[in-house]
Amino acid sequence: MATGVAAAVVLWMLSGILFDGSDQPPARQRVVNTNFDSTNTASSETRAAVTSVTIQNSTARTVAREIVVSSRSEPNRSVELRAETDGAIVALGAERGSKVATGELIARLDMRDRNARIEEAQALIAQRELQYEAALRLEGQQLISDVQIAEALAQLISARAALERHQVDLAYTTIVAPFDAVLEERLVEIGDYVKSGDTVAKLVDIDPLLIVGEVNERDIADLHVGGIGRARLIGGESLEGQIRYLSPVAAQSTRTFQVELAVPNPGDVQRAGITAELRLHAGEITAHFLSPALLTLDDAGAVGVKAVDDFGQVQYFPVEIVSSSADGIAVTGLPDRLRLITVGQGFVNAGQFVDAVPDPTTAGRHGNELPASKRSEDNPSRL
C-alpha cells in the first residue's frame, strides 16, 4: 500500500512537466506583440505632434549700408561783432532776427573830432613833403648831410602813417555785416557808449546748415569728405547734403569723431540747434530685408532669425542690423537664400523638425521683395 501511494504522488508531480499547456500561445509571443503595438502607437503620436510653421523665401540683395547717429543742426558761421574804437551809438541798422547782406549797416558811432584829425594829418603831410623836397635840392648842392635827409623822409612817412590811422579809426565808426547772415542779437541801443572790444551784435550764417554728430571709431573708416548723407529733423523734415568735415582726432572722453554734413538751406527755412537723426552712406553690402517682428533672441541674448532647411529642420542664424526704416530692417550674417519662419518662430527651437507651410501672403513675389506700396524713399536699398 505504501509503495502504491508513493507511485501515485510521483505520477502527479510529473504531470506538471509532461503537460505544460502547449496548446496555448507562448507568453513571449504575446509580449512581443504588445511591444510592437505600443511602438506603432508612439510613432503615430509623434507624427501628430510635429509643429507647423509658416515660411517665406528670402533672397539677399544689395542695399546701402548706413551709419545712424544722433546729431543736431548748427550754423555754418557764427560771429560776434565787436567795436574797434570808442564812441557813442548814434544810428542802428537792421533789426534783430532780420537778414543782412554783406556791408549792410549794423550800428554807427559818433564822429567826434575824427574829421578834424584827418585834416590836420593831411596838412602835416603837405608840410613834410615840402621839407623833404627842399632837403633833396640841398643835397645836390652838397649843403645838407645824409642824416638830415633821412630825418626829413622819416617825418614824411610818420605824417602819412598818422593820416592812415585816423582814416582807419574813422572807418571803425561804421559797423557793418561781414557776410550775408541773420542778425541773431543786437546788444546796443542808440545812446549807448561802447569801448573797443565791446560786443555790439551777433550774426549767424545758416545757409548751408550743418548737421553735426559723433561717429564711433569702428565706423569712421567707412566715411570720407564729400560722401552723401541724409538728416531727419525732429519735426519730420528730411535734408540731404554732403560730408564737409571729419575730425582727424577722436574726443578723449567718448572716443568718437565729429562729422559735419552740410545741407542747402535756401531762404534760411530750417533753424540751427534742432535735434536730428543723421544717416551717412557707408557703401553697399549684400543683406536680407525683413520685418523686425522676425527677430528672436538666443540663450546668450544674441539677435537672430529662425529658418527651415530642405529637410524640415529649424536653424538659427545670428544677424547684424545694418539699416532700418519704417518698412523694415536690413540684416547681414545670413546665407544668400533661405526659408525664413514668419509665423511660429517663438514655438520652435533650433534642431527641431517642423512642418513648413509657405506663407500665402507672399505668393507671386520673388524672395523678400517689398510690396509696390512700400517701395519708397525710405527703402534702405535706395538710400
Protein backbone atom coordinates (compact mmCIF):
# COMPACT_ATOMS: atom_id res chain seq x y z
CA MET A 1 0.00 0.00 0.00
CA ALA A 2 2.80 2.44 0.82
CA THR A 3 4.50 1.68 -2.46
CA GLY A 4 1.30 2.35 -4.36
CA VAL A 5 0.73 5.70 -2.63
CA ALA A 6 4.33 6.80 -3.35
CA ALA A 7 3.94 5.89 -7.02
CA ALA A 8 0.72 7.89 -7.30
CA VAL A 9 2.38 11.00 -5.81
CA VAL A 10 5.31 10.77 -8.24
CA LEU A 11 2.96 10.44 -11.21
CA TRP A 12 1.00 13.55 -10.04
CA MET A 13 4.17 15.63 -9.75
CA LEU A 14 5.38 14.52 -13.18
CA SER A 15 2.08 15.56 -14.75
CA GLY A 16 3.03 19.29 -14.40
CA ILE A 17 6.10 18.79 -16.55
CA LEU A 18 4.68 16.46 -19.16
CA PHE A 19 1.57 18.57 -19.75
CA ASP A 20 2.80 22.36 -19.90
CA GLY A 21 -0.18 23.80 -21.77
CA SER A 22 1.49 23.78 -25.16
CA ASP A 23 -1.86 24.30 -26.82
CA GLN A 24 -1.83 27.97 -25.59
CA PRO A 25 0.16 30.76 -27.36
CA PRO A 26 3.61 31.32 -25.82
CA ALA A 27 3.75 34.21 -23.31
CA ARG A 28 6.84 35.64 -25.01
CA GLN A 29 4.95 35.96 -28.27
CA ARG A 30 2.24 37.98 -26.58
CA VAL A 31 4.82 40.28 -25.08
CA VAL A 32 6.41 40.87 -28.46
CA ASN A 33 3.06 41.62 -30.00
CA THR A 34 2.26 44.01 -27.19
CA ASN A 35 5.55 45.90 -27.67
CA PHE A 36 5.02 46.13 -31.42
CA ASP A 37 1.59 47.64 -30.96
CA SER A 38 2.98 50.19 -28.44
CA THR A 39 5.74 51.28 -30.87
CA ASN A 40 3.26 51.86 -33.67
CA THR A 41 1.06 53.93 -31.37
CA ALA A 42 4.01 56.14 -30.19
CA SER A 43 5.14 56.70 -33.79
CA SER A 44 1.66 57.87 -34.73
CA GLU A 45 1.54 60.24 -31.77
CA THR A 46 4.97 61.73 -32.72
CA ARG A 47 3.85 62.41 -36.26
CA ALA A 48 0.71 64.07 -34.97
CA ALA A 49 2.79 66.32 -32.61
CA VAL A 50 5.03 67.91 -35.35
CA THR A 51 4.67 71.74 -35.20
CA SER A 52 3.54 73.59 -38.30
CA VAL A 53 5.24 76.92 -39.11
CA THR A 54 4.78 79.43 -41.91
CA ILE A 55 7.83 80.19 -44.03
CA GLN A 56 8.81 82.77 -46.61
CA ASN A 57 11.61 82.51 -49.17
CA SER A 58 14.17 85.27 -48.65
CA THR A 59 16.91 86.25 -51.08
CA ALA A 60 19.83 88.56 -50.26
CA ARG A 61 20.18 91.73 -52.29
CA THR A 62 22.45 94.74 -52.46
CA VAL A 63 21.49 97.51 -50.06
CA ALA A 64 23.12 100.73 -48.98
CA ARG A 65 24.81 100.49 -45.60
CA GLU A 66 24.07 103.42 -43.33
CA ILE A 67 25.66 104.76 -40.19
CA VAL A 68 22.97 106.27 -38.00
CA VAL A 69 23.95 108.76 -35.29
CA SER A 70 22.18 111.31 -33.15
CA SER A 71 23.00 114.85 -34.21
CA ARG A 72 21.99 118.49 -34.06
CA SER A 73 21.78 121.34 -36.54
CA GLU A 74 24.30 124.14 -36.22
CA PRO A 75 25.01 127.37 -38.15
CA ASN A 76 27.64 127.42 -40.83
CA ARG A 77 29.22 130.51 -39.26
CA SER A 78 28.58 132.43 -36.06
CA VAL A 79 30.41 135.66 -35.15
CA GLU A 80 30.28 138.40 -32.56
CA LEU A 81 30.73 141.90 -33.96
CA ARG A 82 32.80 144.00 -31.58
CA ALA A 83 33.53 147.70 -31.56
CA GLU A 84 37.05 148.55 -32.74
CA THR A 85 37.01 152.14 -31.47
CA ASP A 86 35.37 154.15 -28.73
CA GLY A 87 32.23 156.20 -29.14
CA ALA A 88 28.51 156.58 -28.58
CA ILE A 89 25.95 154.78 -30.77
CA VAL A 90 24.18 157.34 -32.97
CA ALA A 91 22.47 155.08 -35.55
CA LEU A 92 21.27 151.49 -35.89
CA GLY A 93 20.66 149.39 -38.97
CA ALA A 94 18.91 146.01 -39.21
CA GLU A 95 16.58 144.76 -36.53
CA ARG A 96 17.18 141.62 -34.51
CA GLY A 97 16.20 138.44 -36.39
CA SER A 98 16.35 140.05 -39.84
CA LYS A 99 18.57 139.07 -42.73
CA VAL A 100 21.53 141.30 -43.52
CA ALA A 101 23.66 141.42 -46.63
CA THR A 102 27.41 141.87 -46.79
CA GLY A 103 28.27 145.51 -45.94
CA GLU A 104 24.84 146.34 -44.53
CA LEU A 105 24.83 148.75 -41.58
CA ILE A 106 24.54 147.28 -38.09
CA ALA A 107 25.46 150.34 -35.99
CA ARG A 108 27.27 153.70 -36.32
CA LEU A 109 29.33 155.60 -33.74
CA ASP A 110 29.58 159.36 -33.38
CA MET A 111 32.34 161.05 -35.39
CA ARG A 112 33.55 163.42 -32.65
CA ASP A 113 36.76 165.15 -33.87
CA ARG A 114 37.85 162.42 -36.26
CA ASN A 115 37.38 164.53 -39.41
CA ALA A 116 39.41 167.34 -37.88
CA ARG A 117 42.23 164.91 -37.09
CA ILE A 118 42.26 163.77 -40.70
CA GLU A 119 42.50 167.36 -41.98
CA GLU A 120 45.34 168.03 -39.55
CA ALA A 121 47.19 164.93 -40.73
CA GLN A 122 46.75 165.90 -44.38
CA ALA A 123 48.18 169.39 -43.72
CA LEU A 124 51.15 167.92 -41.88
CA ILE A 125 51.84 165.59 -44.81
CA ALA A 126 51.91 168.55 -47.19
CA GLN A 127 54.43 170.30 -44.93
CA ARG A 128 56.64 167.22 -44.64
CA GLU A 129 56.62 166.73 -48.40
CA LEU A 130 57.89 170.30 -48.94
CA GLN A 131 60.61 169.84 -46.34
CA TYR A 132 61.75 166.61 -47.92
CA GLU A 133 61.82 168.13 -51.43
CA ALA A 134 63.91 171.04 -50.12
CA ALA A 135 66.31 168.61 -48.49
CA LEU A 136 66.76 166.80 -51.79
CA ARG A 137 67.61 170.09 -53.56
CA LEU A 138 70.18 170.98 -50.90
CA GLU A 139 71.70 167.53 -51.27
CA GLY A 140 72.51 168.31 -54.90
CA GLN A 141 74.43 171.36 -53.73
CA GLN A 142 76.14 169.38 -51.00
CA LEU A 143 74.70 171.74 -48.38
CA ILE A 144 72.96 169.09 -46.25
CA SER A 145 74.07 165.87 -44.68
CA ASP A 146 72.66 162.44 -45.29
CA VAL A 147 71.36 162.34 -41.72
CA GLN A 148 69.22 165.41 -42.29
CA ILE A 149 67.79 163.96 -45.49
CA ALA A 150 66.90 160.71 -43.70
CA GLU A 151 65.26 162.72 -40.91
CA ALA A 152 63.09 164.64 -43.39
CA LEU A 153 62.00 161.38 -45.04
CA ALA A 154 61.15 159.80 -41.67
CA GLN A 155 58.98 162.78 -40.71
CA LEU A 156 57.12 162.49 -44.01
CA ILE A 157 56.48 158.78 -43.53
CA SER A 158 55.31 159.39 -39.95
CA ALA A 159 52.83 162.01 -41.13
CA ARG A 160 51.41 159.65 -43.73
CA ALA A 161 51.07 156.86 -41.14
CA ALA A 162 49.20 159.21 -38.81
CA LEU A 163 46.74 160.03 -41.59
CA GLU A 164 46.14 156.34 -42.25
CA ARG A 165 45.49 155.68 -38.55
CA HIS A 166 42.92 158.45 -38.42
CA GLN A 167 41.22 157.17 -41.56
CA VAL A 168 41.02 153.62 -40.17
CA ASP A 169 39.63 154.94 -36.88
CA LEU A 170 37.01 156.84 -38.85
CA ALA A 171 36.06 153.67 -40.75
CA TYR A 172 35.63 151.82 -37.46
CA THR A 173 32.78 154.13 -36.52
CA THR A 174 30.60 152.24 -39.03
CA ILE A 175 29.94 148.62 -38.05
CA VAL A 176 28.67 146.51 -40.96
CA ALA A 177 27.88 142.84 -41.65
CA PRO A 178 30.99 140.98 -42.88
CA PHE A 179 28.88 138.41 -44.81
CA ASP A 180 25.29 137.52 -45.65
CA ALA A 181 23.74 136.38 -42.39
CA VAL A 182 20.92 136.71 -39.89
CA LEU A 183 21.18 139.27 -37.08
CA GLU A 184 20.69 136.93 -34.12
CA GLU A 185 21.23 139.52 -31.38
CA ARG A 186 21.86 143.28 -31.13
CA LEU A 187 23.29 144.28 -27.78
CA VAL A 188 23.31 148.08 -28.10
CA GLU A 189 20.79 150.89 -28.48
CA ILE A 190 21.12 154.49 -29.58
CA GLY A 191 22.97 156.45 -26.93
CA ASP A 192 24.97 153.53 -25.57
CA TYR A 193 28.67 154.19 -25.22
CA VAL A 194 30.95 151.39 -26.35
CA LYS A 195 34.65 150.89 -26.00
CA SER A 196 37.00 149.00 -28.26
CA GLY A 197 36.31 145.27 -27.75
CA ASP A 198 32.70 145.58 -26.58
CA THR A 199 30.20 143.23 -28.32
CA VAL A 200 27.71 145.08 -30.50
CA ALA A 201 25.84 142.27 -32.28
CA LYS A 202 25.83 138.53 -33.07
CA LEU A 203 25.48 137.18 -36.61
CA VAL A 204 24.78 133.61 -37.78
CA ASP A 205 25.00 132.11 -41.26
CA ILE A 206 22.67 129.10 -41.67
CA ASP A 207 22.95 128.53 -45.41
CA PRO A 208 24.30 125.93 -45.69
CA LEU A 209 23.07 124.42 -42.44
CA LEU A 210 25.40 122.00 -40.65
CA ILE A 211 24.22 118.69 -39.18
CA VAL A 212 26.82 117.73 -36.58
CA GLY A 213 27.13 114.31 -34.94
CA GLU A 214 29.63 111.91 -33.39
CA VAL A 215 30.71 108.68 -35.15
CA ASN A 216 32.34 105.81 -33.26
CA GLU A 217 35.83 104.62 -34.09
CA ARG A 218 34.60 101.43 -35.81
CA ASP A 219 32.64 103.34 -38.48
CA ILE A 220 34.83 106.37 -39.14
CA ALA A 221 36.96 104.46 -41.70
CA ASP A 222 33.88 103.93 -43.90
CA LEU A 223 33.26 107.68 -44.29
CA HIS A 224 35.02 110.31 -46.39
CA VAL A 225 34.73 114.02 -47.07
CA GLY A 226 32.32 114.53 -49.95
CA GLY A 227 30.23 111.47 -49.05
CA ILE A 228 26.47 111.79 -49.06
CA GLY A 229 24.14 111.70 -46.10
CA ARG A 230 20.62 112.49 -45.00
CA ALA A 231 19.27 114.09 -41.86
CA ARG A 232 15.75 113.82 -40.49
CA LEU A 233 14.88 116.68 -38.15
CA ILE A 234 12.73 116.16 -35.11
CA GLY A 235 9.87 117.86 -36.94
CA GLY A 236 9.98 115.25 -39.72
CA GLU A 237 11.78 117.34 -42.37
CA SER A 238 14.32 115.43 -44.45
CA LEU A 239 17.52 117.16 -45.63
CA GLU A 240 20.24 115.80 -47.89
CA GLY A 241 23.81 117.00 -48.22
CA GLN A 242 27.50 116.13 -48.29
CA ILE A 243 30.04 115.44 -45.58
CA ARG A 244 32.12 118.60 -45.20
CA TYR A 245 34.33 117.71 -42.26
CA LEU A 246 35.60 114.63 -40.43
CA SER A 247 37.56 115.17 -37.23
CA PRO A 248 41.13 113.84 -37.51
CA VAL A 249 41.34 113.22 -33.75
CA ALA A 250 38.89 111.36 -31.51
CA ALA A 251 37.41 113.02 -28.45
CA GLN A 252 39.30 111.87 -25.34
CA SER A 253 36.17 111.29 -23.25
CA THR A 254 34.00 109.42 -25.79
CA ARG A 255 36.49 108.09 -28.38
CA THR A 256 34.22 109.39 -31.13
CA PHE A 257 34.90 111.54 -34.18
CA GLN A 258 32.93 114.65 -35.08
CA VAL A 259 31.31 114.71 -38.52
CA GLU A 260 29.65 117.66 -40.26
CA LEU A 261 27.07 117.29 -43.00
CA ALA A 262 26.44 120.49 -44.98
CA VAL A 263 22.89 120.73 -46.35
CA PRO A 264 21.49 123.55 -48.51
CA ASN A 265 19.11 125.84 -46.64
CA PRO A 266 17.82 128.42 -49.15
CA GLY A 267 15.79 131.13 -47.55
CA ASP A 268 17.03 130.10 -44.11
CA VAL A 269 13.92 127.96 -43.68
CA GLN A 270 15.47 125.49 -41.24
CA ARG A 271 16.88 126.69 -37.95
CA ALA A 272 20.01 125.81 -36.01
CA GLY A 273 20.00 123.97 -32.70
CA ILE A 274 17.39 121.33 -33.65
CA THR A 275 17.78 117.64 -32.80
CA ALA A 276 18.18 115.40 -35.85
CA GLU A 277 18.88 111.81 -36.87
CA LEU A 278 21.86 111.65 -39.19
CA ARG A 279 22.18 108.79 -41.72
CA LEU A 280 25.52 108.58 -43.51
CA HIS A 281 26.08 106.45 -46.61
CA ALA A 282 28.86 103.92 -45.93
CA GLY A 283 28.97 101.84 -49.11
CA GLU A 284 26.90 98.89 -50.33
CA ILE A 285 26.59 95.40 -48.88
CA THR A 286 24.59 92.24 -49.51
CA ALA A 287 21.80 91.84 -46.96
CA HIS A 288 18.31 90.49 -46.39
CA PHE A 289 15.40 92.90 -45.93
CA LEU A 290 12.81 91.69 -43.43
CA SER A 291 10.35 92.71 -40.74
CA PRO A 292 11.69 93.39 -37.23
CA ALA A 293 8.98 91.01 -35.94
CA LEU A 294 11.01 88.06 -37.28
CA LEU A 295 13.92 88.73 -34.92
CA THR A 296 14.38 86.45 -31.91
CA LEU A 297 16.92 86.11 -29.10
CA ASP A 298 19.00 83.04 -28.34
CA ASP A 299 20.01 81.89 -24.86
CA ALA A 300 23.02 84.21 -24.93
CA GLY A 301 20.88 87.23 -25.86
CA ALA A 302 22.13 87.48 -29.46
CA VAL A 303 19.69 88.76 -32.07
CA GLY A 304 18.91 86.38 -34.93
CA VAL A 305 16.26 84.72 -37.09
CA LYS A 306 14.96 81.16 -37.46
CA ALA A 307 14.72 79.33 -40.77
CA VAL A 308 13.89 75.85 -42.05
CA ASP A 309 16.29 73.81 -44.18
CA ASP A 310 15.36 71.43 -47.01
CA PHE A 311 14.87 68.57 -44.52
CA GLY A 312 12.38 70.49 -42.38
CA GLN A 313 14.79 71.15 -39.53
CA VAL A 314 14.84 74.51 -37.74
CA GLN A 315 18.07 76.55 -37.95
CA TYR A 316 19.05 79.65 -36.00
CA PHE A 317 21.21 82.40 -37.60
CA PRO A 318 22.66 85.36 -35.65
CA VAL A 319 22.30 88.60 -37.64
CA GLU A 320 23.62 92.16 -37.59
CA ILE A 321 21.26 95.04 -38.32
CA VAL A 322 22.86 97.40 -40.84
CA SER A 323 19.97 99.77 -41.57
CA SER A 324 16.35 100.33 -40.69
CA SER A 325 13.33 102.22 -41.96
CA ALA A 326 9.59 102.37 -41.44
CA ASP A 327 9.17 99.39 -43.77
CA GLY A 328 11.68 97.01 -42.19
CA ILE A 329 15.33 96.32 -41.46
CA ALA A 330 18.33 95.11 -43.47
CA VAL A 331 20.44 92.40 -41.81
CA THR A 332 23.64 90.54 -42.63
CA GLY A 333 25.01 87.18 -41.50
CA LEU A 334 22.56 85.02 -43.47
CA PRO A 335 23.01 82.74 -46.49
CA ASP A 336 22.09 84.21 -49.86
CA ARG A 337 18.88 82.17 -49.89
CA LEU A 338 16.90 80.68 -47.03
CA ARG A 339 13.39 79.91 -45.87
CA LEU A 340 12.54 82.28 -43.04
CA ILE A 341 9.95 81.31 -40.43
CA THR A 342 7.39 84.12 -40.41
CA VAL A 343 4.77 82.58 -38.11
CA GLY A 344 5.51 80.24 -35.20
CA GLN A 345 9.19 81.02 -34.67
CA GLY A 346 8.55 81.52 -30.96
CA PHE A 347 7.28 77.96 -30.51
CA VAL A 348 10.16 76.03 -32.11
CA ASN A 349 13.82 75.58 -31.32
CA ALA A 350 16.93 75.03 -33.42
CA GLY A 351 17.31 71.39 -34.40
CA GLN A 352 13.61 70.64 -34.16
CA PHE A 353 11.80 69.15 -37.17
CA VAL A 354 8.71 71.09 -38.28
CA ASP A 355 6.08 71.09 -40.97
CA ALA A 356 6.92 74.12 -43.17
CA VAL A 357 3.91 75.78 -44.82
CA PRO A 358 4.54 78.56 -47.43
CA ASP A 359 3.23 81.99 -46.44
CA PRO A 360 0.19 82.66 -48.67
CA THR A 361 0.65 86.44 -48.41
CA THR A 362 3.97 86.24 -50.30
CA ALA A 363 2.72 84.07 -53.16
CA GLY A 364 3.68 85.51 -56.53
CA ARG A 365 6.55 87.59 -55.16
CA HIS A 366 10.22 86.78 -55.55
CA GLY A 367 12.30 86.42 -52.42
CA ASN A 368 11.60 89.10 -49.84
CA GLU A 369 10.70 91.86 -52.28
CA LEU A 370 8.59 94.60 -50.77
CA PRO A 371 5.05 95.27 -51.97
CA ALA A 372 4.81 98.04 -54.52
CA SER A 373 3.01 100.23 -51.99
CA LYS A 374 6.06 100.15 -49.71
CA ARG A 375 8.83 100.78 -52.23
CA SER A 376 9.60 104.32 -51.24
CA GLU A 377 12.50 106.59 -50.49
CA ASP A 378 12.74 105.02 -47.04
CA ASN A 379 13.76 101.67 -48.53
CA PRO A 380 17.41 101.16 -47.44
CA SER A 381 18.28 99.76 -50.86
CA ARG A 382 17.75 103.22 -52.29
CA LEU A 383 19.39 105.31 -49.61
